[in-house]
Amino acid sequence: MMDRLRSGAFERLRPTWLGWRRPPDGRFGLLGGWRRVRAWLSRGDSGSVTAEFAVVLPAVVAVAALLLGLTQTVCVSLSCQDAARSAAREVVIHRGEGDPSGVASRVAGGSAATSLERSDQQVKVSVSCPVLSTPLGVLPGRVNGSAVAMLDE
């Protein structure tokens, strides 16, 4: 048995994944394995990351621009709805009179268009606000907000 161990048979029985046995290229253990992995990773693929980034970058910019435009549209829509609600409240407080278009212009901006529809006991205020549209016209150019209020007599 000792002759077998001295002849190198035990060397062949030791596991190589633990890094005990010397590989045939002369490197030893795990360090040699890391060198092989690093050499494999840096094998002539220079520039591929740059090319992939150049392909993906326009798509990322387009999605970011769309999200910013959508955020602006939602903010203008909320402001337009608030302007309609404030204009309807103005009509109710002043018993059918007042200046609802002035209130809507103060809340939503000077370019907001206001319309009133009166019936027997209620008034409907509609406010239309412009939105800066995207170059492709994906988002709407104007958003609307409306509110209905009951008049007390």
C-alpha atoms as a PDB file:
ATOM      1  CA  MET A   1       0.000   0.000   0.000  1.00  0.00           C
ATOM      2  CA  MET A   2       2.836   2.417   0.821  1.00  0.00           C
ATOM      3  CA  ASP A   3       4.404   1.699  -2.534  1.00  0.00           C
ATOM      4  CA  ARG A   4       1.214   2.775  -4.217  1.00  0.00           C
ATOM      5  CA  LEU A   5       1.116   6.010  -2.247  1.00  0.00           C
ATOM      6  CA  ARG A   6       4.732   6.783  -3.017  1.00  0.00           C
ATOM      7  CA  SER A   7       4.301   6.065  -6.713  1.00  0.00           C
ATOM      8  CA  GLY A   8       1.815   8.879  -7.158  1.00  0.00           C
ATOM      9  CA  ALA A   9      -1.380   6.844  -7.236  1.00  0.00           C
ATOM     10  CA  PHE A  10      -2.664   8.863  -4.294  1.00  0.00           C
ATOM     11  CA  GLU A  11      -2.070  12.055  -6.289  1.00  0.00           C
ATOM     12  CA  ARG A  12      -4.574  10.887  -8.865  1.00  0.00           C
ATOM     13  CA  LEU A  13      -7.168  10.083  -6.196  1.00  0.00           C
ATOM     14  CA  ARG A  14      -7.258  13.533  -4.616  1.00  0.00           C
ATOM     15  CA  PRO A  15     -10.097  15.784  -5.824  1.00  0.00           C
ATOM     16  CA  THR A  16      -9.010  18.492  -8.234  1.00  0.00           C
ATOM     17  CA  TRP A  17     -11.861  20.891  -7.457  1.00  0.00           C
ATOM     18  CA  LEU A  18     -10.367  21.563  -4.033  1.00  0.00           C
ATOM     19  CA  GLY A  19      -7.167  22.719  -5.656  1.00  0.00           C
ATOM     20  CA  TRP A  20      -4.850  20.053  -4.278  1.00  0.00           C
ATOM     21  CA  ARG A  21      -3.515  18.422  -7.399  1.00  0.00           C
ATOM     22  CA  ARG A  22      -1.228  20.297  -9.739  1.00  0.00           C
ATOM     23  CA  PRO A  23      -2.879  20.746 -13.136  1.00  0.00           C
ATOM     24  CA  PRO A  24      -0.973  19.722 -16.254  1.00  0.00           C
ATOM     25  CA  ASP A  25      -0.201  23.346 -17.259  1.00  0.00           C
ATOM     26  CA  GLY A  26       1.851  23.908 -14.095  1.00  0.00           C
ATOM     27  CA  ARG A  27      -0.548  26.228 -12.248  1.00  0.00           C
ATOM     28  CA  PHE A  28      -1.625  25.162  -8.805  1.00  0.00           C
ATOM     29  CA  GLY A  29      -5.087  24.968  -7.357  1.00  0.00           C
ATOM     30  CA  LEU A  30      -7.792  27.608  -7.231  1.00  0.00           C
ATOM     31  CA  LEU A  31      -5.534  30.505  -8.180  1.00  0.00           C
ATOM     32  CA  GLY A  32      -4.780  28.888 -11.511  1.00  0.00           C
ATOM     33  CA  GLY A  33      -8.507  28.346 -12.033  1.00  0.00           C
ATOM     34  CA  TRP A  34      -9.221  32.046 -11.466  1.00  0.00           C
ATOM     35  CA  ARG A  35      -6.511  32.914 -13.947  1.00  0.00           C
ATOM     36  CA  ARG A  36      -8.151  30.691 -16.530  1.00  0.00           C
ATOM     37  CA  VAL A  37     -11.572  32.235 -15.850  1.00  0.00           C
ATOM     38  CA  ARG A  38     -10.178  35.746 -16.133  1.00  0.00           C
ATOM     39  CA  ALA A  39      -8.400  34.874 -19.367  1.00  0.00           C
ATOM     40  CA  TRP A  40     -11.611  33.378 -20.748  1.00  0.00           C
ATOM     41  CA  LEU A  41     -13.625  36.490 -19.835  1.00  0.00           C
ATOM     42  CA  SER A  42     -11.170  38.864 -21.495  1.00  0.00           C
ATOM     43  CA  ARG A  43     -10.783  36.941 -24.717  1.00  0.00           C
ATOM     44  CA  GLY A  44     -11.240  39.475 -27.514  1.00  0.00           C
ATOM     45  CA  ASP A  45     -14.759  40.784 -26.782  1.00  0.00           C
ATOM     46  CA  SER A  46     -13.592  44.335 -26.437  1.00  0.00           C
ATOM     47  CA  GLY A  47     -16.147  46.830 -27.714  1.00  0.00           C
ATOM     48  CA  SER A  48     -19.194  44.565 -27.445  1.00  0.00           C
ATOM     49  CA  VAL A  49     -20.486  46.395 -24.369  1.00  0.00           C
ATOM     50  CA  THR A  50     -20.154  49.709 -26.178  1.00  0.00           C
ATOM     51  CA  ALA A  51     -22.127  48.385 -29.137  1.00  0.00           C
ATOM     52  CA  GLU A  52     -24.876  46.995 -26.918  1.00  0.00           C
ATOM     53  CA  PHE A  53     -25.058  50.286 -25.013  1.00  0.00           C
ATOM     54  CA  ALA A  54     -25.340  52.215 -28.282  1.00  0.00           C
ATOM     55  CA  VAL A  55     -28.292  50.033 -29.300  1.00  0.00           C
ATOM     56  CA  VAL A  56     -30.100  50.267 -25.963  1.00  0.00           C
ATOM     57  CA  LEU A  57     -29.517  53.971 -25.217  1.00  0.00           C
ATOM     58  CA  PRO A  58     -32.098  55.392 -27.697  1.00  0.00           C
ATOM     59  CA  ALA A  59     -34.778  53.080 -26.331  1.00  0.00           C
ATOM     60  CA  VAL A  60     -34.013  54.152 -22.763  1.00  0.00           C
ATOM     61  CA  VAL A  61     -34.142  57.832 -23.761  1.00  0.00           C
ATOM     62  CA  ALA A  62     -37.477  57.318 -25.569  1.00  0.00           C
ATOM     63  CA  VAL A  63     -39.026  55.578 -22.551  1.00  0.00           C
ATOM     64  CA  ALA A  64     -37.735  58.310 -20.214  1.00  0.00           C
ATOM     65  CA  ALA A  65     -39.193  61.043 -22.459  1.00  0.00           C
ATOM     66  CA  LEU A  66     -42.527  59.224 -22.604  1.00  0.00           C
ATOM     67  CA  LEU A  67     -42.632  58.888 -18.816  1.00  0.00           C
ATOM     68  CA  LEU A  68     -41.819  62.574 -18.330  1.00  0.00           C
ATOM     69  CA  GLY A  69     -44.529  63.576 -20.813  1.00  0.00           C
ATOM     70  CA  LEU A  70     -47.037  61.273 -19.150  1.00  0.00           C
ATOM     71  CA  THR A  71     -46.198  62.746 -15.747  1.00  0.00           C
ATOM     72  CA  GLN A  72     -46.746  66.252 -17.101  1.00  0.00           C
ATOM     73  CA  THR A  73     -50.087  65.228 -18.628  1.00  0.00           C
ATOM     74  CA  VAL A  74     -51.282  63.747 -15.339  1.00  0.00           C
ATOM     75  CA  CYS A  75     -50.237  66.872 -13.398  1.00  0.00           C
ATOM     76  CA  VAL A  76     -52.039  69.177 -15.851  1.00  0.00           C
ATOM     77  CA  SER A  77     -55.111  66.922 -15.715  1.00  0.00           C
ATOM     78  CA  LEU A  78     -55.208  67.134 -11.921  1.00  0.00           C
ATOM     79  CA  SER A  79     -54.784  70.904 -12.061  1.00  0.00           C
ATOM     80  CA  CYS A  80     -57.595  71.177 -14.624  1.00  0.00           C
ATOM     81  CA  GLN A  81     -59.920  69.093 -12.451  1.00  0.00           C
ATOM     82  CA  ASP A  82     -59.104  71.273  -9.437  1.00  0.00           C
ATOM     83  CA  ALA A  83     -59.838  74.381 -11.504  1.00  0.00           C
ATOM     84  CA  ALA A  84     -63.258  72.995 -12.502  1.00  0.00           C
ATOM     85  CA  ARG A  85     -64.071  72.162  -8.887  1.00  0.00           C
ATOM     86  CA  SER A  86     -63.022  75.631  -7.707  1.00  0.00           C
ATOM     87  CA  ALA A  87     -65.050  77.312 -10.449  1.00  0.00           C
ATOM     88  CA  ALA A  88     -68.132  75.274  -9.521  1.00  0.00           C
ATOM     89  CA  ARG A  89     -67.648  76.215  -5.866  1.00  0.00           C
ATOM     90  CA  GLU A  90     -67.392  79.884  -6.917  1.00  0.00           C
ATOM     91  CA  VAL A  91     -70.747  79.627  -8.714  1.00  0.00           C
ATOM     92  CA  VAL A  92     -72.415  77.985  -5.691  1.00  0.00           C
ATOM     93  CA  ILE A  93     -71.005  80.467  -3.172  1.00  0.00           C
ATOM     94  CA  HIS A  94     -72.159  83.476  -5.204  1.00  0.00           C
ATOM     95  CA  ARG A  95     -75.603  81.945  -5.926  1.00  0.00           C
ATOM     96  CA  GLY A  96     -75.185  81.479  -9.675  1.00  0.00           C
ATOM     97  CA  GLU A  97     -73.085  84.553 -10.245  1.00  0.00           C
ATOM     98  CA  GLY A  98     -69.396  85.212  -9.645  1.00  0.00           C
ATOM     99  CA  ASP A  99     -66.425  84.798 -11.943  1.00  0.00           C
ATOM    100  CA  PRO A 100     -65.848  81.051 -12.523  1.00  0.00           C
ATOM    101  CA  SER A 101     -63.533  81.608 -15.512  1.00  0.00           C
ATOM    102  CA  GLY A 102     -61.292  83.906 -13.420  1.00  0.00           C
ATOM    103  CA  VAL A 103     -61.066  81.306 -10.656  1.00  0.00           C
ATOM    104  CA  ALA A 104     -60.294  78.575 -13.180  1.00  0.00           C
ATOM    105  CA  SER A 105     -57.595  80.747 -14.772  1.00  0.00           C
ATOM    106  CA  ARG A 106     -55.982  81.379 -11.388  1.00  0.00           C
ATOM    107  CA  VAL A 107     -55.945  77.665 -10.516  1.00  0.00           C
ATOM    108  CA  ALA A 108     -55.052  76.091 -13.890  1.00  0.00           C
ATOM    109  CA  GLY A 109     -53.235  78.928 -15.619  1.00  0.00           C
ATOM    110  CA  GLY A 110     -54.191  81.700 -17.997  1.00  0.00           C
ATOM    111  CA  SER A 111     -54.708  79.451 -21.024  1.00  0.00           C
ATOM    112  CA  ALA A 112     -57.517  77.398 -19.452  1.00  0.00           C
ATOM    113  CA  ALA A 113     -60.851  77.616 -21.283  1.00  0.00           C
ATOM    114  CA  THR A 114     -64.003  77.528 -19.140  1.00  0.00           C
ATOM    115  CA  SER A 115     -67.593  76.761 -20.122  1.00  0.00           C
ATOM    116  CA  LEU A 116     -70.757  76.789 -18.008  1.00  0.00           C
ATOM    117  CA  GLU A 117     -73.975  74.836 -18.509  1.00  0.00           C
ATOM    118  CA  ARG A 118     -76.883  75.832 -16.278  1.00  0.00           C
ATOM    119  CA  SER A 119     -80.026  73.895 -15.665  1.00  0.00           C
ATOM    120  CA  ASP A 120     -82.779  74.293 -13.065  1.00  0.00           C
ATOM    121  CA  GLN A 121     -80.946  73.404  -9.864  1.00  0.00           C
ATOM    122  CA  GLN A 122     -77.421  72.633 -11.024  1.00  0.00           C
ATOM    123  CA  VAL A 123     -74.494  74.075 -12.899  1.00  0.00           C
ATOM    124  CA  LYS A 124     -71.848  72.124 -14.786  1.00  0.00           C
ATOM    125  CA  VAL A 125     -68.415  73.716 -15.196  1.00  0.00           C
ATOM    126  CA  SER A 126     -66.021  72.324 -17.806  1.00  0.00           C
ATOM    127  CA  VAL A 127     -62.399  73.456 -17.966  1.00  0.00           C
ATOM    128  CA  SER A 128     -60.048  72.582 -20.828  1.00  0.00           C
ATOM    129  CA  CYS A 129     -56.286  72.976 -20.324  1.00  0.00           C
ATOM    130  CA  PRO A 130     -53.498  72.717 -22.915  1.00  0.00           C
ATOM    131  CA  VAL A 131     -50.654  70.226 -22.506  1.00  0.00           C
ATOM    132  CA  LEU A 132     -47.268  70.535 -24.166  1.00  0.00           C
ATOM    133  CA  SER A 133     -47.390  67.560 -26.476  1.00  0.00           C
ATOM    134  CA  THR A 134     -44.528  65.241 -27.314  1.00  0.00           C
ATOM    135  CA  PRO A 135     -42.851  65.442 -30.726  1.00  0.00           C
ATOM    136  CA  LEU A 136     -44.589  62.272 -31.905  1.00  0.00           C
ATOM    137  CA  GLY A 137     -48.011  63.395 -30.656  1.00  0.00           C
ATOM    138  CA  VAL A 138     -48.494  60.319 -28.489  1.00  0.00           C
ATOM    139  CA  LEU A 139     -49.961  62.258 -25.574  1.00  0.00           C
ATOM    140  CA  PRO A 140     -53.100  64.425 -25.813  1.00  0.00           C
ATOM    141  CA  GLY A 141     -52.847  68.125 -26.633  1.00  0.00           C
ATOM    142  CA  ARG A 142     -55.600  69.171 -24.200  1.00  0.00           C
ATOM    143  CA  VAL A 143     -57.109  67.665 -21.089  1.00  0.00           C
ATOM    144  CA  ASN A 144     -60.564  68.371 -19.654  1.00  0.00           C
ATOM    145  CA  GLY A 145     -61.921  68.600 -16.168  1.00  0.00           C
ATOM    146  CA  SER A 146     -65.538  69.013 -15.167  1.00  0.00           C
ATOM    147  CA  ALA A 147     -67.524  69.495 -11.988  1.00  0.00           C
ATOM    148  CA  VAL A 148     -71.237  69.635 -11.257  1.00  0.00           C
ATOM    149  CA  ALA A 149     -72.632  71.683  -8.388  1.00  0.00           C
ATOM    150  CA  MET A 150     -76.171  71.981  -6.979  1.00  0.00           C
ATOM    151  CA  LEU A 151     -77.549  75.488  -6.565  1.00  0.00           C
ATOM    152  CA  ASP A 152     -79.480  76.250  -3.380  1.00  0.00           C
ATOM    153  CA  GLU A 153     -82.474  78.527  -3.572  1.00  0.00           C
END
